[in-house]
Amino acid sequence: MTDIGHEILSEGFIEGFCRRYPTHVLETLLADRTTGKNIIWADNEYESLGDGYAGDEEITVEKICGPASGVIKPRIAKEAERQSQRTKSRAEVFTPSWLCNQMNNDIDEAWFGHRDVFNTEALENDGVRAWMAVPVPVTFPKAKGHGWHAYVEAARLEITCGEAPFVCSRYDTVTGFALPLAERVGFLDRKLRVVTEKTRTRKEWVKWALAALKATYAFEYQGDNLLIARVNVLETFAEYLRERWGEAPTPEEIKQAAWVVSWNLWQMNGFTDAVPTNKMGAEVESTIGTYEQPAPEPIQPTLFDLFDADFGDGQTEEIPEGSRETVPLCVIYDWKAGEPFEFASMKGKARTMGKKFYAVIGNPPYQADKDDNDRKPPIYDVFMDASYELGERVELVTPGRFLFDAGQTPKAWNEKMLADEHLKVVMYESDASAVFPNTDIKGGIAVTLRDATQVYGPIGTFTVYDDLNEILKKVNAATGSSPRLDSIFASQRCYKFSTDFYAENADNSDVVDMLGPGNKIKIVSKVMEKLPAIFTSNPDADSDSALKFYGRVSGQRVYRYILRRYIQDNAYLDGYKLLIPEANNSGQYGETLAEPIVGAPGVGSTDTFLNAGPFETETEVHNLASYYKTKFFRALLGVKKATQHSPLQVWRTIPLQDFTPASDIDWSKSITEIDQQLYAKYGLDESEIEFIESHVKEMD
């Protein structure tokens, strides 16, 4: 067997492949069956290498072999800055083998009715997640349609596959370490293990191994990743054959396997279902009508030479010069029906492949490049929705913010997901670096499984801990429909400029430039720093009506003064309120919070701070500050708060208290004693109290 680890770490991945196989095999793996040309680079990462390496240009043998050796290599072998750049710009993270194994085990549990079919998962003494292969042959259930033939032929899809770690696991994509054949965990690995256990002759083995390949699908945007994935899948076929029969595949066997791989792993923009392009304004179009319908012979290892025929290259019509720019929808192959079809046609209706894919699995991209507001909007929600149209079972690893109705995914989408009775959370990890080393993803990582054939009940309010679920139930029962803490929070931008401000500053270029058409009357976070002549360090000597505004200047919390007539009146401005940073720590469960500020009448804030109140007395706002510091308060805040940000909905799980002297809580006591009163008020038992005390940090 080839020394995979050496090839990866010595940057000889493609070169090793070229040494083992004729050039025409690599040419097959570079083919794009939609365009009839080659796959393209699809981004500008390589353009500094010169002509032929721009995003829309094809990858050819000459550009990656011979004098160009070392251009394409697995992620683990890439320069550190290239890894970091791709991770930062696209939130592209490669899934560790232990998680690929866990998720494939989840999918297989639906088939077999139990776990530990191919391996047993374990946590070693040093905390490393591992697995041990089950040494006995796989036993299949007696249920109709669940035998080994059906298992091998059940189509599975890895979306945005990168180097295809869910499909096959020749090496750990995070460490680069090669995995022995017996310990591999991809869904193609599992199919080929079954083929090895169930067949008796080489002819039969090849027939069913090719059937396994034909049931293995994946798509990827980046051309380099796709080529690596195709090589990995083809080499997986060859390695299992070599292990079973003690000799290398014949040229005909490799030729046919490569042909299947070139169809089943394709290059696609997951948003458009079309071939990637850098052409601005290119329109997506159907080109299926330009195909010559292929008619492959039945799969017979003795008839490989029949596949030398054209087989329908999938070439699209040439676009006349000067006409509109178009990009074709991606075409893949239905091996049972014996015809190509457009991938986009699978969405919204079933095909002859059955109920589309038996399972869809993967790790989709998390965010787009920066938008006009310099933000990186999430896109994983789009991939989740699209995946649900493709198969009955979909298991994906994504950011977990949506579980807390947090982040930038649409609120309506969050609510839809939390109400979906077919969706469940398989795993949640608040510290993303525990899954993806050296990666910080606010709100943690979630693995969700949606099975249209199962009813799990809606997720509703998601909590990480069973004890916290019970605490929340008791609090909800005791509170009923009474107001929650969010009811006393003002909207984030409750302070606004008045008409007097605009009338007196209409010719002030700093004001015009700072506010612009987007900000209008909002007191945004940078306004004090950008308008020092409006927000001054000292009150106007000629006015006794200056307001104090709290915000940040050069990263420091400061007060600035502004004429009262420049700010619209509201109840919070003239009452006592608690000023709480909207960006408050990191979102880790049980963490301490930033110190709040008591705001007196005549004090306001930029939108850096939330305003809770308004209260008639200073005592009430101080009592709210004490409540804010309790472990009980922060235990419930952690139900919804999964990132540094604190929108109104994160405070909704916290019951509102009476902060006046008539309260049933004695707010004059220490924070610890106030916690004990709250535990008693909501009927928490010893284990629930212990949970809060052990999971929530103390605040002075």
Foldseek 3Di string as FASTA:
>chain_A
DDQQLCCQQVLNNVVVVCVVAPPVLLVLLQAFLQALRGAFQQDQPPCVVDPQNHRFHGDDPVCDDDVNPNPFHAPVNDDPVVNVVVCVQFVDFAFFLLVLQVVLQVLVCVLAVHGQQQWAWDQDPVRDTFIGGDPDAGDWDPDPQRDLLSLLQFAEEEEQQQLNQQAWPQDTSQNSHGDPLSRIRHSLSVNLSNLLVPDDDPFSSLLSNLSSLLRYAYEHAGSSRLSNNLVRVLVNSQVSSCVRPVDGDDNLSSVVSSNSSSQRYHHADPVPLFRRDPDPPAAEDEQQVVWDWFADDRDGSVPSVSVVDPRTSSHGDDDDPPDGHYTYRGWHDDVVVRGIDGPVVLFPDHDPSGNAGQEYEYEDTFWHGADPVRDTAGDVLVVVVRRVRGHQKYKYKYAQQLLLCDDRDDSVSSVVQQQDQQKDWPDWDLAQCVGGPPDGDFLGMTIMMGGNVDGNGGNHQPDDDPLLVVLLVLLCVLCPPPAFQLVQWDALFPKWFDPVLCVVCVPPVLVCVVCPPPNHTGLAQCNCQSCCVAFDQDEDPVDPQWFWEWHDHPRDIDITTHHPNGIDDDPLQQFKWKWAFQQWPFLAQQEFTDQIDIDHRRYYYHSRTMTGDGDHDSQLRVLVSLVSQALVQRNQLSSNRRGRGDGSSSRRSHHDFDRDPVTPADSVDHSVVSNVVVCVSSVPDPVSVVCSVVGHDGDD
